[in-house]
Amino acid sequence: MRGENAKPEAAQAPRVLIVDDDPGQRSLLDSFLSSQGFATVVAASGEQALELLAAGPIDLMISDVRMPGLSGLETLRRARQSHELLPVLLVTAFPDIRDAVGAIRDGAVNYLEKPIDLDELLVSVRKAIGLEAEVAVRFSQDHKLPEHVVAKSPAMQAVFRDVALVAASESRVLLTGESGVGKEVVADVIHAWSQRAAGPLIKINCAAIPETLLESELFGHERGSFTGAHLQRIGRFEEANNGTV
């Protein structure tokens, strides 16, 4: 048994089950994931999703949380009873920390908010079904580390596999860590490996900019727009057009 509008499968294409009572959301995810090489199967309810899981192999389930009948959380619990290793991503327009904690406790691999960032979704899907290493290796074959960057230890190699994965997307990236751990080096590599590598990389230390000047620094200003604005100033975001901030 196949869901409505199921796509013909390419050889070895991972099968993704999309569960959402909203036809527009189902269609969006169906079209996007199909365009990325996944074989998609769609269900309009948790009950239909469980039938599809029983009918054939599924590599990943993406489910809305709030649906008539079985909720996404209950669908997750029932699916995991018979498919213990099935990766499940939950999406919702009504984020609730209790739902998120419960979902992760019950085995969900991620909990995404609507409207869904498709780049973030793609990263989560690939990671959930074990494609992130393949994507990172293939991407990094043509993108070598700068000469001053040494990444021979398993831990650093894992870091740069993740770097390759996010660099291949348009996702926003937050780098955290103590001073001196290499955040700026990682930012340089993300830019160098991204589709924006030909554009500028604009570095800003927001902590070093006085609050009164931050807006002008980031967005710029026109001549005469306020007292003391004798010249036009191009903001950092405009400087970074087609590049990275």
C-alpha atoms as a PDB file:
ATOM      1  CA  MET A   1       0.000   0.000   0.000  1.00  0.00           C
ATOM      2  CA  ARG A   2       1.302   3.444  -0.931  1.00  0.00           C
ATOM      3  CA  GLY A   3       0.238   6.900   0.132  1.00  0.00           C
ATOM      4  CA  GLU A   4      -1.360   9.428  -2.167  1.00  0.00           C
ATOM      5  CA  ASN A   5       0.966  10.870  -4.816  1.00  0.00           C
ATOM      6  CA  ALA A   6       3.798   8.466  -3.909  1.00  0.00           C
ATOM      7  CA  LYS A   7       6.789   9.004  -6.178  1.00  0.00           C
ATOM      8  CA  PRO A   8       8.476   6.271  -8.247  1.00  0.00           C
ATOM      9  CA  GLU A   9      11.595   5.251  -6.381  1.00  0.00           C
ATOM     10  CA  ALA A  10      15.100   5.708  -7.685  1.00  0.00           C
ATOM     11  CA  ALA A  11      17.500   2.871  -6.974  1.00  0.00           C
ATOM     12  CA  GLN A  12      18.459   2.884  -3.309  1.00  0.00           C
ATOM     13  CA  ALA A  13      16.643   6.193  -2.728  1.00  0.00           C
ATOM     14  CA  PRO A  14      15.830   6.549   0.984  1.00  0.00           C
ATOM     15  CA  ARG A  15      12.072   6.329   1.595  1.00  0.00           C
ATOM     16  CA  VAL A  16      10.632   9.220   3.599  1.00  0.00           C
ATOM     17  CA  LEU A  17       7.101   9.088   5.012  1.00  0.00           C
ATOM     18  CA  ILE A  18       5.515  12.551   5.333  1.00  0.00           C
ATOM     19  CA  VAL A  19       2.566  12.772   7.741  1.00  0.00           C
ATOM     20  CA  ASP A  20       0.490  15.963   7.884  1.00  0.00           C
ATOM     21  CA  ASP A  21      -3.234  16.723   7.761  1.00  0.00           C
ATOM     22  CA  ASP A  22      -2.504  19.982   5.885  1.00  0.00           C
ATOM     23  CA  PRO A  23      -2.472  19.256   2.104  1.00  0.00           C
ATOM     24  CA  GLY A  24      -0.315  22.307   1.389  1.00  0.00           C
ATOM     25  CA  GLN A  25       2.333  21.271   3.902  1.00  0.00           C
ATOM     26  CA  ARG A  26       2.323  17.693   2.600  1.00  0.00           C
ATOM     27  CA  SER A  27       2.753  18.943  -0.949  1.00  0.00           C
ATOM     28  CA  LEU A  28       5.584  21.312   0.022  1.00  0.00           C
ATOM     29  CA  LEU A  29       7.623  18.639   1.801  1.00  0.00           C
ATOM     30  CA  ASP A  30       6.786  16.037  -0.847  1.00  0.00           C
ATOM     31  CA  SER A  31       8.022  18.251  -3.699  1.00  0.00           C
ATOM     32  CA  PHE A  32      11.108  19.474  -1.855  1.00  0.00           C
ATOM     33  CA  LEU A  33      12.350  16.091  -0.657  1.00  0.00           C
ATOM     34  CA  SER A  34      11.598  14.484  -4.021  1.00  0.00           C
ATOM     35  CA  SER A  35      13.738  17.166  -5.681  1.00  0.00           C
ATOM     36  CA  GLN A  36      16.568  16.220  -3.306  1.00  0.00           C
ATOM     37  CA  GLY A  37      16.522  12.576  -4.411  1.00  0.00           C
ATOM     38  CA  PHE A  38      14.344  10.988  -1.741  1.00  0.00           C
ATOM     39  CA  ALA A  39      11.481   8.588  -2.460  1.00  0.00           C
ATOM     40  CA  THR A  40       8.494  10.149  -0.719  1.00  0.00           C
ATOM     41  CA  VAL A  41       5.302   8.606   0.610  1.00  0.00           C
ATOM     42  CA  VAL A  42       2.605  10.840   2.116  1.00  0.00           C
ATOM     43  CA  ALA A  43      -0.134  10.288   4.681  1.00  0.00           C
ATOM     44  CA  ALA A  44      -2.927  12.610   5.793  1.00  0.00           C
ATOM     45  CA  SER A  45      -3.233  11.149   9.304  1.00  0.00           C
ATOM     46  CA  GLY A  46      -1.396   9.200  11.957  1.00  0.00           C
ATOM     47  CA  GLU A  47      -3.627   6.211  11.315  1.00  0.00           C
ATOM     48  CA  GLN A  48      -2.714   6.155   7.615  1.00  0.00           C
ATOM     49  CA  ALA A  49       0.959   6.557   8.498  1.00  0.00           C
ATOM     50  CA  LEU A  50       0.891   3.444  10.684  1.00  0.00           C
ATOM     51  CA  GLU A  51      -0.716   1.488   7.828  1.00  0.00           C
ATOM     52  CA  LEU A  52       2.040   2.597   5.457  1.00  0.00           C
ATOM     53  CA  LEU A  53       4.714   1.655   7.982  1.00  0.00           C
ATOM     54  CA  ALA A  54       3.220  -1.829   8.227  1.00  0.00           C
ATOM     55  CA  ALA A  55       3.052  -2.168   4.438  1.00  0.00           C
ATOM     56  CA  GLY A  56       6.698  -1.610   3.529  1.00  0.00           C
ATOM     57  CA  PRO A  57      10.126  -0.302   4.553  1.00  0.00           C
ATOM     58  CA  ILE A  58      10.417   3.359   5.548  1.00  0.00           C
ATOM     59  CA  ASP A  59      13.774   4.995   6.315  1.00  0.00           C
ATOM     60  CA  LEU A  60      12.455   8.144   8.003  1.00  0.00           C
ATOM     61  CA  MET A  61       9.116   9.555   9.149  1.00  0.00           C
ATOM     62  CA  ILE A  62       8.376  13.285   9.277  1.00  0.00           C
ATOM     63  CA  SER A  63       5.174  14.030  11.179  1.00  0.00           C
ATOM     64  CA  ASP A  64       3.170  17.061  12.195  1.00  0.00           C
ATOM     65  CA  VAL A  65       2.426  17.168  15.926  1.00  0.00           C
ATOM     66  CA  ARG A  66      -1.149  18.473  16.030  1.00  0.00           C
ATOM     67  CA  MET A  67      -3.479  16.405  13.831  1.00  0.00           C
ATOM     68  CA  PRO A  68      -7.064  15.143  14.159  1.00  0.00           C
ATOM     69  CA  GLY A  69      -7.237  11.601  15.478  1.00  0.00           C
ATOM     70  CA  LEU A  70      -3.761  10.379  16.387  1.00  0.00           C
ATOM     71  CA  SER A  71      -1.417  13.232  17.236  1.00  0.00           C
ATOM     72  CA  GLY A  72       2.144  13.231  15.991  1.00  0.00           C
ATOM     73  CA  LEU A  73       3.372  12.289  19.463  1.00  0.00           C
ATOM     74  CA  GLU A  74       1.030   9.306  19.684  1.00  0.00           C
ATOM     75  CA  THR A  75       1.920   8.281  16.124  1.00  0.00           C
ATOM     76  CA  LEU A  76       5.582   8.438  17.139  1.00  0.00           C
ATOM     77  CA  ARG A  77       4.994   6.214  20.172  1.00  0.00           C
ATOM     78  CA  ARG A  78       3.024   3.606  18.214  1.00  0.00           C
ATOM     79  CA  ALA A  79       5.467   3.628  15.319  1.00  0.00           C
ATOM     80  CA  ARG A  80       8.387   3.019  17.644  1.00  0.00           C
ATOM     81  CA  GLN A  81       6.661   0.010  19.200  1.00  0.00           C
ATOM     82  CA  SER A  82       7.006  -1.936  15.958  1.00  0.00           C
ATOM     83  CA  HIS A  83       9.894  -0.009  14.355  1.00  0.00           C
ATOM     84  CA  GLU A  84      12.310   0.649  17.212  1.00  0.00           C
ATOM     85  CA  LEU A  85      15.079   2.047  15.005  1.00  0.00           C
ATOM     86  CA  LEU A  86      12.878   4.275  12.824  1.00  0.00           C
ATOM     87  CA  PRO A  87      14.159   7.889  12.848  1.00  0.00           C
ATOM     88  CA  VAL A  88      11.307  10.364  13.340  1.00  0.00           C
ATOM     89  CA  LEU A  89      11.307  14.141  12.846  1.00  0.00           C
ATOM     90  CA  LEU A  90       8.412  16.089  14.346  1.00  0.00           C
ATOM     91  CA  VAL A  91       7.267  19.478  13.040  1.00  0.00           C
ATOM     92  CA  THR A  92       4.783  21.885  14.585  1.00  0.00           C
ATOM     93  CA  ALA A  93       3.328  25.358  14.247  1.00  0.00           C
ATOM     94  CA  PHE A  94       2.645  25.381  18.010  1.00  0.00           C
ATOM     95  CA  PRO A  95       5.994  24.781  19.739  1.00  0.00           C
ATOM     96  CA  ASP A  96       5.694  23.628  23.333  1.00  0.00           C
ATOM     97  CA  ILE A  97       8.715  22.787  25.454  1.00  0.00           C
ATOM     98  CA  ARG A  98       6.832  19.915  27.124  1.00  0.00           C
ATOM     99  CA  ASP A  99       5.981  18.411  23.740  1.00  0.00           C
ATOM    100  CA  ALA A 100       9.578  18.812  22.605  1.00  0.00           C
ATOM    101  CA  VAL A 101      10.960  17.109  25.706  1.00  0.00           C
ATOM    102  CA  GLY A 102       8.390  14.332  25.416  1.00  0.00           C
ATOM    103  CA  ALA A 103       9.153  13.835  21.734  1.00  0.00           C
ATOM    104  CA  ILE A 104      12.891  13.481  22.308  1.00  0.00           C
ATOM    105  CA  ARG A 105      12.245  11.160  25.261  1.00  0.00           C
ATOM    106  CA  ASP A 106      10.038   8.984  23.053  1.00  0.00           C
ATOM    107  CA  GLY A 107      12.688   8.735  20.359  1.00  0.00           C
ATOM    108  CA  ALA A 108      12.268  11.677  17.978  1.00  0.00           C
ATOM    109  CA  VAL A 109      15.596  12.738  16.478  1.00  0.00           C
ATOM    110  CA  ASN A 110      14.559  16.381  16.038  1.00  0.00           C
ATOM    111  CA  TYR A 111      11.684  18.791  16.668  1.00  0.00           C
ATOM    112  CA  LEU A 112      11.306  21.572  14.075  1.00  0.00           C
ATOM    113  CA  GLU A 113       9.055  24.628  14.081  1.00  0.00           C
ATOM    114  CA  LYS A 114       6.808  25.764  11.234  1.00  0.00           C
ATOM    115  CA  PRO A 115       7.232  27.548   8.927  1.00  0.00           C
ATOM    116  CA  ILE A 116       9.920  24.993   8.183  1.00  0.00           C
ATOM    117  CA  ASP A 117      13.341  26.174   7.077  1.00  0.00           C
ATOM    118  CA  LEU A 118      13.914  23.765   4.180  1.00  0.00           C
ATOM    119  CA  ASP A 119      17.701  23.919   4.490  1.00  0.00           C
ATOM    120  CA  GLU A 120      17.455  23.032   8.180  1.00  0.00           C
ATOM    121  CA  LEU A 121      15.028  20.249   7.306  1.00  0.00           C
ATOM    122  CA  LEU A 122      17.383  18.818   4.680  1.00  0.00           C
ATOM    123  CA  VAL A 123      20.293  18.781   7.123  1.00  0.00           C
ATOM    124  CA  SER A 124      18.101  17.049   9.725  1.00  0.00           C
ATOM    125  CA  VAL A 125      16.823  14.478   7.225  1.00  0.00           C
ATOM    126  CA  ARG A 126      20.282  13.587   5.961  1.00  0.00           C
ATOM    127  CA  LYS A 127      21.634  13.363   9.471  1.00  0.00           C
ATOM    128  CA  ALA A 128      18.729  11.231  10.670  1.00  0.00           C
ATOM    129  CA  ILE A 129      19.185   8.579   7.994  1.00  0.00           C
ATOM    130  CA  GLY A 130      22.961   8.546   8.052  1.00  0.00           C
ATOM    131  CA  LEU A 131      23.644  10.452   4.850  1.00  0.00           C
ATOM    132  CA  GLU A 132      25.550  13.290   6.483  1.00  0.00           C
ATOM    133  CA  ALA A 133      28.905  11.506   6.276  1.00  0.00           C
ATOM    134  CA  GLU A 134      28.387  10.689   2.599  1.00  0.00           C
ATOM    135  CA  VAL A 135      27.400  14.275   1.807  1.00  0.00           C
ATOM    136  CA  ALA A 136      30.315  15.700   3.783  1.00  0.00           C
ATOM    137  CA  VAL A 137      32.902  13.381   2.218  1.00  0.00           C
ATOM    138  CA  ARG A 138      31.648  14.028  -1.302  1.00  0.00           C
ATOM    139  CA  PHE A 139      31.554  17.782  -0.703  1.00  0.00           C
ATOM    140  CA  SER A 140      34.972  17.975   0.958  1.00  0.00           C
ATOM    141  CA  GLN A 141      36.696  16.074  -1.854  1.00  0.00           C
ATOM    142  CA  ASP A 142      36.607  19.290  -3.873  1.00  0.00           C
ATOM    143  CA  HIS A 143      37.026  21.638  -0.909  1.00  0.00           C
ATOM    144  CA  LYS A 144      40.308  21.273   0.928  1.00  0.00           C
ATOM    145  CA  LEU A 145      41.122  22.810   4.280  1.00  0.00           C
ATOM    146  CA  PRO A 146      43.288  25.939   4.266  1.00  0.00           C
ATOM    147  CA  GLU A 147      46.981  25.203   4.804  1.00  0.00           C
ATOM    148  CA  HIS A 148      46.983  26.769   8.280  1.00  0.00           C
ATOM    149  CA  VAL A 149      44.175  24.469   9.487  1.00  0.00           C
ATOM    150  CA  VAL A 150      45.192  21.104  10.941  1.00  0.00           C
ATOM    151  CA  ALA A 151      42.417  18.554  11.482  1.00  0.00           C
ATOM    152  CA  LYS A 152      43.998  15.132  11.891  1.00  0.00           C
ATOM    153  CA  SER A 153      42.380  13.980  15.121  1.00  0.00           C
ATOM    154  CA  PRO A 154      39.055  12.099  14.938  1.00  0.00           C
ATOM    155  CA  ALA A 155      37.381  14.890  16.914  1.00  0.00           C
ATOM    156  CA  MET A 156      38.492  17.607  14.485  1.00  0.00           C
ATOM    157  CA  GLN A 157      37.642  15.480  11.473  1.00  0.00           C
ATOM    158  CA  ALA A 158      34.138  15.121  12.903  1.00  0.00           C
ATOM    159  CA  VAL A 159      33.932  18.910  13.298  1.00  0.00           C
ATOM    160  CA  PHE A 160      34.832  19.504   9.666  1.00  0.00           C
ATOM    161  CA  ARG A 161      32.416  16.832   8.460  1.00  0.00           C
ATOM    162  CA  ASP A 162      29.723  18.921  10.142  1.00  0.00           C
ATOM    163  CA  VAL A 163      31.237  22.060   8.603  1.00  0.00           C
ATOM    164  CA  ALA A 164      30.991  20.505   5.135  1.00  0.00           C
ATOM    165  CA  LEU A 165      27.381  19.586   5.783  1.00  0.00           C
ATOM    166  CA  VAL A 166      26.257  23.068   6.832  1.00  0.00           C
ATOM    167  CA  ALA A 167      28.417  24.812   4.214  1.00  0.00           C
ATOM    168  CA  ALA A 168      26.498  22.975   1.498  1.00  0.00           C
ATOM    169  CA  SER A 169      23.243  24.566   2.727  1.00  0.00           C
ATOM    170  CA  GLU A 170      21.955  28.118   3.158  1.00  0.00           C
ATOM    171  CA  SER A 171      21.372  27.597   6.883  1.00  0.00           C
ATOM    172  CA  ARG A 172      22.292  30.211   9.481  1.00  0.00           C
ATOM    173  CA  VAL A 173      25.074  28.925  11.732  1.00  0.00           C
ATOM    174  CA  LEU A 174      25.747  29.757  15.386  1.00  0.00           C
ATOM    175  CA  LEU A 175      29.276  28.949  16.574  1.00  0.00           C
ATOM    176  CA  THR A 176      29.816  28.886  20.332  1.00  0.00           C
ATOM    177  CA  GLY A 177      32.815  28.201  22.525  1.00  0.00           C
ATOM    178  CA  GLU A 178      35.448  29.756  24.722  1.00  0.00           C
ATOM    179  CA  SER A 179      37.920  32.290  23.415  1.00  0.00           C
ATOM    180  CA  GLY A 180      40.700  30.638  21.429  1.00  0.00           C
ATOM    181  CA  VAL A 181      38.936  27.396  20.449  1.00  0.00           C
ATOM    182  CA  GLY A 182      38.846  28.334  16.761  1.00  0.00           C
ATOM    183  CA  LYS A 183      35.390  29.760  16.072  1.00  0.00           C
ATOM    184  CA  GLU A 184      36.765  32.262  13.565  1.00  0.00           C
ATOM    185  CA  VAL A 185      38.737  29.537  11.775  1.00  0.00           C
ATOM    186  CA  VAL A 186      35.586  27.447  11.427  1.00  0.00           C
ATOM    187  CA  ALA A 187      33.671  30.498  10.161  1.00  0.00           C
ATOM    188  CA  ASP A 188      36.377  31.047   7.525  1.00  0.00           C
ATOM    189  CA  VAL A 189      36.083  27.441   6.329  1.00  0.00           C
ATOM    190  CA  ILE A 190      32.271  27.527   6.219  1.00  0.00           C
ATOM    191  CA  HIS A 191      32.466  30.588   3.967  1.00  0.00           C
ATOM    192  CA  ALA A 192      35.241  29.121   1.813  1.00  0.00           C
ATOM    193  CA  TRP A 193      33.272  25.901   1.244  1.00  0.00           C
ATOM    194  CA  SER A 194      29.911  27.582   0.658  1.00  0.00           C
ATOM    195  CA  GLN A 195      28.221  28.678  -2.557  1.00  0.00           C
ATOM    196  CA  ARG A 196      28.979  32.246  -1.444  1.00  0.00           C
ATOM    197  CA  ALA A 197      32.744  31.739  -1.405  1.00  0.00           C
ATOM    198  CA  ALA A 198      33.259  34.149  -4.313  1.00  0.00           C
ATOM    199  CA  GLY A 199      31.608  36.911  -2.291  1.00  0.00           C
ATOM    200  CA  PRO A 200      33.042  38.813   0.674  1.00  0.00           C
ATOM    201  CA  LEU A 201      33.329  37.476   4.212  1.00  0.00           C
ATOM    202  CA  ILE A 202      32.497  40.360   6.549  1.00  0.00           C
ATOM    203  CA  LYS A 203      33.528  39.851  10.172  1.00  0.00           C
ATOM    204  CA  ILE A 204      31.804  41.815  12.922  1.00  0.00           C
ATOM    205  CA  ASN A 205      32.457  41.794  16.650  1.00  0.00           C
ATOM    206  CA  CYS A 206      29.106  43.068  17.922  1.00  0.00           C
ATOM    207  CA  ALA A 207      30.382  43.119  21.512  1.00  0.00           C
ATOM    208  CA  ALA A 208      32.965  45.727  20.527  1.00  0.00           C
ATOM    209  CA  ILE A 209      30.451  48.106  18.901  1.00  0.00           C
ATOM    210  CA  PRO A 210      28.677  50.639  21.163  1.00  0.00           C
ATOM    211  CA  GLU A 211      24.923  50.094  21.239  1.00  0.00           C
ATOM    212  CA  THR A 212      24.300  53.600  19.871  1.00  0.00           C
ATOM    213  CA  LEU A 213      26.349  52.831  16.747  1.00  0.00           C
ATOM    214  CA  LEU A 214      25.255  49.244  16.140  1.00  0.00           C
ATOM    215  CA  GLU A 215      22.318  50.038  13.835  1.00  0.00           C
ATOM    216  CA  SER A 216      24.412  52.357  11.682  1.00  0.00           C
ATOM    217  CA  GLU A 217      27.290  49.843  11.600  1.00  0.00           C
ATOM    218  CA  LEU A 218      25.084  46.963  10.473  1.00  0.00           C
ATOM    219  CA  PHE A 219      22.593  48.733   8.195  1.00  0.00           C
ATOM    220  CA  GLY A 220      24.422  51.915   7.203  1.00  0.00           C
ATOM    221  CA  HIS A 221      22.867  55.351   6.766  1.00  0.00           C
ATOM    222  CA  GLU A 222      22.321  58.067   4.196  1.00  0.00           C
ATOM    223  CA  ARG A 223      24.021  61.443   4.322  1.00  0.00           C
ATOM    224  CA  GLY A 224      22.012  63.836   6.491  1.00  0.00           C
ATOM    225  CA  SER A 225      19.790  61.131   7.956  1.00  0.00           C
ATOM    226  CA  PHE A 226      20.708  62.294  11.470  1.00  0.00           C
ATOM    227  CA  THR A 227      22.866  64.905  13.159  1.00  0.00           C
ATOM    228  CA  GLY A 228      26.503  64.249  12.365  1.00  0.00           C
ATOM    229  CA  ALA A 229      25.797  62.024   9.330  1.00  0.00           C
ATOM    230  CA  HIS A 230      27.959  64.048   6.955  1.00  0.00           C
ATOM    231  CA  LEU A 231      28.638  61.142   4.608  1.00  0.00           C
ATOM    232  CA  GLN A 232      26.758  58.116   3.374  1.00  0.00           C
ATOM    233  CA  ARG A 233      27.841  54.919   5.119  1.00  0.00           C
ATOM    234  CA  ILE A 234      27.422  51.450   3.624  1.00  0.00           C
ATOM    235  CA  GLY A 235      26.333  48.961   6.280  1.00  0.00           C
ATOM    236  CA  ARG A 236      28.024  45.635   6.880  1.00  0.00           C
ATOM    237  CA  PHE A 237      25.037  43.670   5.573  1.00  0.00           C
ATOM    238  CA  GLU A 238      25.183  45.555   2.276  1.00  0.00           C
ATOM    239  CA  GLU A 239      28.952  45.047   2.107  1.00  0.00           C
ATOM    240  CA  ALA A 240      28.355  41.323   2.494  1.00  0.00           C
ATOM    241  CA  ASN A 241      25.935  41.116  -0.453  1.00  0.00           C
ATOM    242  CA  ASN A 242      26.314  37.661  -2.083  1.00  0.00           C
ATOM    243  CA  GLY A 243      28.785  36.763   0.649  1.00  0.00           C
ATOM    244  CA  THR A 244      28.738  35.933   4.354  1.00  0.00           C
ATOM    245  CA  VAL A 245      28.457  37.928   7.590  1.00  0.00           C
END
